Amino acid sequence: MELSKFVERDCALVGACTDRIGAHKAWCGAGLGRMRFPMVGDVSRQLANAFGVLTELGVALRATFIIDPEGVVQNVSVNSLNVGRSAKETLRTLDALRSGGLTACEWQRGDDLLKVA
């Protein structure tokens, strides 16, 4: 998924990682690739704890948050440690949130909105 699809929708992407920078660089080299958006270092785990994604063992789960311009969390997706996230689904959810109406399951940008009876 290209960063440009989020940029064209006027989104600011920010990543957060509880790993030290050396470990994060190793992950990038092991398959994540180059990160093209800012990363926040959360080695204290305060951010992960505040967002409720820190396990009892002190490990942050993989989570994606869509936060509106007023700072209100509009969507949260949390995955187990062994499950990657879907940029396509995040983009679809963002589009649905911005649609101005009620969307169906699997709704895509450009699809009709549901009509409330």
N, C-alpha and C. Protein backbone atom coordinates (compact mmCIF):
# COMPACT_ATOMS: atom_id res chain seq x y z
N MET A 1 0.86 -1.18 0.00
CA MET A 1 0.00 0.00 0.00
C MET A 1 0.90 1.23 0.00
N GLU A 2 0.61 2.09 -0.89
CA GLU A 2 1.43 3.29 -1.01
C GLU A 2 1.00 4.34 0.00
N LEU A 3 2.00 4.97 0.58
CA LEU A 3 1.77 6.08 1.50
C LEU A 3 0.95 7.17 0.83
N SER A 4 1.11 7.31 -0.48
CA SER A 4 0.43 8.38 -1.21
C SER A 4 -1.09 8.27 -1.11
N LYS A 5 -1.63 7.07 -0.94
CA LYS A 5 -3.08 6.91 -0.83
C LYS A 5 -3.61 7.52 0.47
N PHE A 6 -2.79 7.51 1.50
CA PHE A 6 -3.17 8.17 2.75
C PHE A 6 -2.93 9.67 2.63
N VAL A 7 -1.84 10.06 2.01
CA VAL A 7 -1.51 11.48 1.84
C VAL A 7 -2.58 12.18 1.02
N GLU A 8 -3.06 11.54 -0.06
CA GLU A 8 -4.10 12.17 -0.90
C GLU A 8 -5.41 12.35 -0.14
N ARG A 9 -5.57 11.61 0.96
CA ARG A 9 -6.75 11.76 1.81
C ARG A 9 -6.47 12.68 3.00
N ASP A 10 -5.35 13.37 2.95
CA ASP A 10 -4.96 14.35 3.97
C ASP A 10 -4.82 13.71 5.35
N CYS A 11 -4.20 12.54 5.39
CA CYS A 11 -3.96 11.83 6.64
C CYS A 11 -2.50 11.99 7.06
N ALA A 12 -2.30 12.10 8.33
CA ALA A 12 -0.95 12.07 8.88
C ALA A 12 -0.73 10.70 9.49
N LEU A 13 0.24 9.98 9.00
CA LEU A 13 0.57 8.67 9.55
C LEU A 13 1.73 8.82 10.52
N VAL A 14 1.60 8.19 11.67
CA VAL A 14 2.66 8.18 12.67
C VAL A 14 2.73 6.77 13.23
N GLY A 15 3.90 6.22 13.28
CA GLY A 15 4.08 4.90 13.88
C GLY A 15 4.64 5.03 15.27
N ALA A 16 4.47 4.03 16.08
CA ALA A 16 5.05 3.99 17.42
C ALA A 16 5.61 2.59 17.64
N CYS A 17 6.72 2.54 18.29
CA CYS A 17 7.40 1.27 18.51
C CYS A 17 8.02 1.25 19.90
N THR A 18 7.83 0.15 20.61
CA THR A 18 8.41 0.03 21.95
C THR A 18 9.85 -0.50 21.89
N ASP A 19 10.28 -0.93 20.72
CA ASP A 19 11.66 -1.42 20.57
C ASP A 19 12.64 -0.25 20.55
N ARG A 20 13.86 -0.54 20.94
CA ARG A 20 14.93 0.45 20.80
C ARG A 20 15.23 0.61 19.31
N ILE A 21 15.84 1.70 18.93
CA ILE A 21 16.05 2.02 17.52
C ILE A 21 16.82 0.92 16.78
N GLY A 22 17.80 0.30 17.43
CA GLY A 22 18.56 -0.76 16.78
C GLY A 22 17.69 -1.95 16.41
N ALA A 23 16.79 -2.32 17.30
CA ALA A 23 15.89 -3.44 17.03
C ALA A 23 14.92 -3.08 15.91
N HIS A 24 14.44 -1.84 15.92
CA HIS A 24 13.52 -1.43 14.87
C HIS A 24 14.20 -1.41 13.51
N LYS A 25 15.43 -0.94 13.46
CA LYS A 25 16.18 -0.96 12.20
C LYS A 25 16.37 -2.39 11.71
N ALA A 26 16.59 -3.31 12.63
CA ALA A 26 16.74 -4.71 12.25
C ALA A 26 15.44 -5.25 11.65
N TRP A 27 14.29 -4.89 12.22
CA TRP A 27 13.00 -5.31 11.66
C TRP A 27 12.83 -4.75 10.26
N CYS A 28 13.21 -3.50 10.05
CA CYS A 28 13.09 -2.89 8.72
C CYS A 28 13.94 -3.66 7.71
N GLY A 29 15.13 -4.06 8.13
CA GLY A 29 16.02 -4.82 7.27
C GLY A 29 15.56 -6.25 7.05
N ALA A 30 14.73 -6.77 7.95
CA ALA A 30 14.28 -8.15 7.86
C ALA A 30 12.96 -8.31 7.10
N GLY A 31 12.49 -7.23 6.48
CA GLY A 31 11.29 -7.39 5.68
C GLY A 31 10.29 -6.25 5.75
N LEU A 32 10.33 -5.45 6.80
CA LEU A 32 9.39 -4.33 6.87
C LEU A 32 9.69 -3.28 5.82
N GLY A 33 10.94 -3.14 5.49
CA GLY A 33 11.34 -2.12 4.51
C GLY A 33 11.48 -0.76 5.16
N ARG A 34 11.78 0.20 4.34
CA ARG A 34 12.01 1.57 4.81
C ARG A 34 10.68 2.19 5.26
N MET A 35 10.70 2.80 6.43
CA MET A 35 9.52 3.49 6.93
C MET A 35 9.50 4.89 6.32
N ARG A 36 8.38 5.25 5.71
CA ARG A 36 8.28 6.54 5.04
C ARG A 36 7.38 7.52 5.78
N PHE A 37 7.23 7.29 7.08
CA PHE A 37 6.49 8.21 7.92
C PHE A 37 7.18 8.23 9.29
N PRO A 38 6.91 9.26 10.09
CA PRO A 38 7.62 9.38 11.37
C PRO A 38 7.30 8.24 12.33
N MET A 39 8.30 7.89 13.12
CA MET A 39 8.14 6.87 14.15
C MET A 39 8.40 7.51 15.51
N VAL A 40 7.56 7.16 16.47
CA VAL A 40 7.71 7.62 17.84
C VAL A 40 8.33 6.48 18.64
N GLY A 41 9.37 6.79 19.37
CA GLY A 41 9.98 5.79 20.24
C GLY A 41 9.22 5.73 21.56
N ASP A 42 8.72 4.56 21.90
CA ASP A 42 7.94 4.38 23.13
C ASP A 42 8.61 3.32 24.00
N VAL A 43 9.90 3.46 24.21
CA VAL A 43 10.63 2.45 25.00
C VAL A 43 10.15 2.42 26.45
N SER A 44 9.56 3.52 26.94
CA SER A 44 9.01 3.53 28.30
C SER A 44 7.66 2.81 28.36
N ARG A 45 7.07 2.59 27.19
CA ARG A 45 5.78 1.91 27.03
C ARG A 45 4.60 2.71 27.58
N GLN A 46 4.79 3.98 27.83
CA GLN A 46 3.71 4.83 28.35
C GLN A 46 2.59 4.99 27.33
N LEU A 47 2.95 5.19 26.07
CA LEU A 47 1.95 5.36 25.02
C LEU A 47 1.15 4.07 24.82
N ALA A 48 1.84 2.95 24.72
CA ALA A 48 1.16 1.66 24.55
C ALA A 48 0.24 1.38 25.73
N ASN A 49 0.67 1.70 26.93
CA ASN A 49 -0.15 1.50 28.11
C ASN A 49 -1.38 2.42 28.09
N ALA A 50 -1.18 3.69 27.73
CA ALA A 50 -2.28 4.65 27.68
C ALA A 50 -3.34 4.25 26.66
N PHE A 51 -2.91 3.63 25.55
CA PHE A 51 -3.86 3.20 24.52
C PHE A 51 -4.40 1.79 24.77
N GLY A 52 -3.98 1.17 25.86
CA GLY A 52 -4.53 -0.13 26.24
C GLY A 52 -4.07 -1.31 25.42
N VAL A 53 -2.90 -1.21 24.82
CA VAL A 53 -2.42 -2.32 23.97
C VAL A 53 -1.18 -3.00 24.55
N LEU A 54 -0.89 -2.74 25.82
CA LEU A 54 0.27 -3.35 26.47
C LEU A 54 -0.19 -4.61 27.22
N THR A 55 0.44 -5.73 26.92
CA THR A 55 0.08 -6.99 27.59
C THR A 55 0.65 -7.00 29.01
N GLU A 56 0.22 -7.98 29.79
CA GLU A 56 0.72 -8.14 31.16
C GLU A 56 2.22 -8.38 31.18
N LEU A 57 2.76 -8.90 30.08
CA LEU A 57 4.20 -9.15 29.98
C LEU A 57 4.98 -7.92 29.52
N GLY A 58 4.27 -6.81 29.30
CA GLY A 58 4.93 -5.57 28.88
C GLY A 58 5.22 -5.49 27.40
N VAL A 59 4.55 -6.30 26.61
CA VAL A 59 4.73 -6.31 25.16
C VAL A 59 3.53 -5.61 24.52
N ALA A 60 3.80 -4.71 23.58
CA ALA A 60 2.71 -4.00 22.91
C ALA A 60 2.16 -4.85 21.77
N LEU A 61 0.84 -5.00 21.75
CA LEU A 61 0.17 -5.68 20.64
C LEU A 61 0.24 -4.79 19.41
N ARG A 62 0.01 -5.37 18.24
CA ARG A 62 -0.01 -4.59 17.00
C ARG A 62 -1.36 -3.91 16.89
N ALA A 63 -1.34 -2.60 16.86
CA ALA A 63 -2.60 -1.85 16.87
C ALA A 63 -2.55 -0.71 15.86
N THR A 64 -3.72 -0.39 15.34
CA THR A 64 -3.89 0.75 14.45
C THR A 64 -5.04 1.59 14.98
N PHE A 65 -4.81 2.89 15.07
CA PHE A 65 -5.83 3.81 15.57
C PHE A 65 -6.10 4.85 14.49
N ILE A 66 -7.37 5.12 14.23
CA ILE A 66 -7.74 6.24 13.37
C ILE A 66 -8.28 7.31 14.31
N ILE A 67 -7.60 8.44 14.33
CA ILE A 67 -7.93 9.54 15.23
C ILE A 67 -8.32 10.74 14.38
N ASP A 68 -9.47 11.32 14.68
CA ASP A 68 -9.96 12.44 13.86
C ASP A 68 -9.22 13.74 14.21
N PRO A 69 -9.43 14.80 13.44
CA PRO A 69 -8.71 16.06 13.68
C PRO A 69 -8.95 16.68 15.07
N GLU A 70 -10.04 16.28 15.72
CA GLU A 70 -10.31 16.78 17.08
C GLU A 70 -9.64 15.93 18.15
N GLY A 71 -8.93 14.88 17.75
CA GLY A 71 -8.24 14.02 18.69
C GLY A 71 -9.09 12.89 19.25
N VAL A 72 -10.23 12.63 18.63
CA VAL A 72 -11.12 11.56 19.08
C VAL A 72 -10.80 10.28 18.31
N VAL A 73 -10.59 9.19 19.05
CA VAL A 73 -10.34 7.90 18.41
C VAL A 73 -11.64 7.43 17.77
N GLN A 74 -11.60 7.23 16.45
CA GLN A 74 -12.78 6.81 15.70
C GLN A 74 -12.78 5.32 15.39
N ASN A 75 -11.60 4.69 15.39
CA ASN A 75 -11.50 3.27 15.08
C ASN A 75 -10.24 2.72 15.70
N VAL A 76 -10.35 1.49 16.22
CA VAL A 76 -9.21 0.78 16.78
C VAL A 76 -9.20 -0.63 16.22
N SER A 77 -8.05 -1.06 15.77
CA SER A 77 -7.87 -2.43 15.31
C SER A 77 -6.65 -2.98 16.04
N VAL A 78 -6.82 -4.06 16.78
CA VAL A 78 -5.72 -4.65 17.56
C VAL A 78 -5.54 -6.09 17.13
N ASN A 79 -4.32 -6.44 16.78
CA ASN A 79 -3.99 -7.79 16.34
C ASN A 79 -3.04 -8.46 17.32
N SER A 80 -3.08 -9.78 17.32
CA SER A 80 -2.12 -10.57 18.06
C SER A 80 -0.72 -10.29 17.51
N LEU A 81 0.28 -10.63 18.27
CA LEU A 81 1.66 -10.34 17.88
C LEU A 81 2.08 -11.00 16.58
N ASN A 82 1.47 -12.11 16.23
CA ASN A 82 1.90 -12.83 15.03
C ASN A 82 1.04 -12.50 13.80
N VAL A 83 0.18 -11.49 13.90
CA VAL A 83 -0.70 -11.13 12.78
C VAL A 83 -0.39 -9.72 12.31
N GLY A 84 -0.04 -9.60 11.05
CA GLY A 84 0.24 -8.29 10.48
C GLY A 84 -1.03 -7.49 10.26
N ARG A 85 -0.87 -6.21 10.02
CA ARG A 85 -2.01 -5.33 9.80
C ARG A 85 -2.22 -5.09 8.32
N SER A 86 -3.42 -4.63 7.97
CA SER A 86 -3.77 -4.40 6.57
C SER A 86 -3.93 -2.91 6.31
N ALA A 87 -3.02 -2.35 5.54
CA ALA A 87 -3.15 -0.94 5.15
C ALA A 87 -4.39 -0.74 4.30
N LYS A 88 -4.74 -1.73 3.47
CA LYS A 88 -5.95 -1.62 2.64
C LYS A 88 -7.20 -1.52 3.50
N GLU A 89 -7.27 -2.32 4.55
CA GLU A 89 -8.44 -2.27 5.43
C GLU A 89 -8.47 -0.96 6.22
N THR A 90 -7.32 -0.47 6.62
CA THR A 90 -7.28 0.82 7.31
C THR A 90 -7.77 1.93 6.39
N LEU A 91 -7.36 1.90 5.15
CA LEU A 91 -7.79 2.89 4.16
C LEU A 91 -9.30 2.77 3.91
N ARG A 92 -9.81 1.54 3.79
CA ARG A 92 -11.24 1.31 3.60
C ARG A 92 -12.03 1.85 4.79
N THR A 93 -11.55 1.61 5.99
CA THR A 93 -12.22 2.09 7.19
C THR A 93 -12.22 3.61 7.24
N LEU A 94 -11.09 4.21 6.90
CA LEU A 94 -11.00 5.67 6.86
C LEU A 94 -12.02 6.24 5.88
N ASP A 95 -12.09 5.66 4.69
CA ASP A 95 -13.06 6.11 3.69
C ASP A 95 -14.49 5.96 4.22
N ALA A 96 -14.78 4.85 4.89
CA ALA A 96 -16.12 4.62 5.43
C ALA A 96 -16.45 5.65 6.50
N LEU A 97 -15.49 5.96 7.36
CA LEU A 97 -15.71 6.97 8.39
C LEU A 97 -16.00 8.34 7.79
N ARG A 98 -15.38 8.61 6.66
CA ARG A 98 -15.54 9.91 6.01
C ARG A 98 -16.71 9.94 5.01
N SER A 99 -17.40 8.83 4.83
CA SER A 99 -18.44 8.74 3.80
C SER A 99 -19.65 9.61 4.08
N GLY A 100 -19.87 9.91 5.34
CA GLY A 100 -21.03 10.72 5.69
C GLY A 100 -22.31 9.91 5.84
N GLY A 101 -22.21 8.61 5.82
CA GLY A 101 -23.40 7.79 5.94
C GLY A 101 -23.10 6.43 6.51
N LEU A 102 -24.08 5.55 6.40
CA LEU A 102 -23.99 4.19 6.90
C LEU A 102 -23.44 3.29 5.80
N THR A 103 -22.38 2.57 6.11
CA THR A 103 -21.74 1.71 5.11
C THR A 103 -21.97 0.24 5.44
N ALA A 104 -22.04 -0.56 4.40
CA ALA A 104 -22.22 -2.01 4.55
C ALA A 104 -20.88 -2.69 4.82
N CYS A 105 -20.97 -3.96 5.21
CA CYS A 105 -19.75 -4.77 5.32
C CYS A 105 -19.09 -4.80 3.94
N GLU A 106 -17.78 -4.76 3.92
CA GLU A 106 -17.00 -4.80 2.68
C GLU A 106 -17.23 -3.58 1.79
N TRP A 107 -17.88 -2.53 2.30
CA TRP A 107 -18.10 -1.30 1.55
C TRP A 107 -16.77 -0.76 1.05
N GLN A 108 -16.78 -0.22 -0.15
CA GLN A 108 -15.60 0.39 -0.75
C GLN A 108 -15.93 1.81 -1.18
N ARG A 109 -14.93 2.65 -1.20
CA ARG A 109 -15.09 4.04 -1.66
C ARG A 109 -15.78 4.04 -3.02
N GLY A 110 -16.84 4.84 -3.14
CA GLY A 110 -17.61 4.91 -4.37
C GLY A 110 -18.86 4.06 -4.35
N ASP A 111 -18.93 3.08 -3.43
CA ASP A 111 -20.14 2.25 -3.31
C ASP A 111 -21.28 3.10 -2.73
N ASP A 112 -22.51 2.67 -2.98
CA ASP A 112 -23.66 3.33 -2.40
C ASP A 112 -23.67 3.16 -0.88
N LEU A 113 -24.22 4.15 -0.21
CA LEU A 113 -24.42 4.07 1.24
C LEU A 113 -25.73 3.34 1.51
N LEU A 114 -25.84 2.76 2.69
CA LEU A 114 -27.09 2.11 3.07
C LEU A 114 -28.14 3.18 3.38
N LYS A 115 -29.35 2.86 3.07
CA LYS A 115 -30.46 3.78 3.34
C LYS A 115 -31.19 3.28 4.59
N VAL A 116 -31.37 4.17 5.54
CA VAL A 116 -32.06 3.82 6.77
C VAL A 116 -33.56 3.90 6.52
N ALA A 117 -34.26 2.84 6.86
CA ALA A 117 -35.71 2.78 6.61
C ALA A 117 -36.47 3.62 7.62
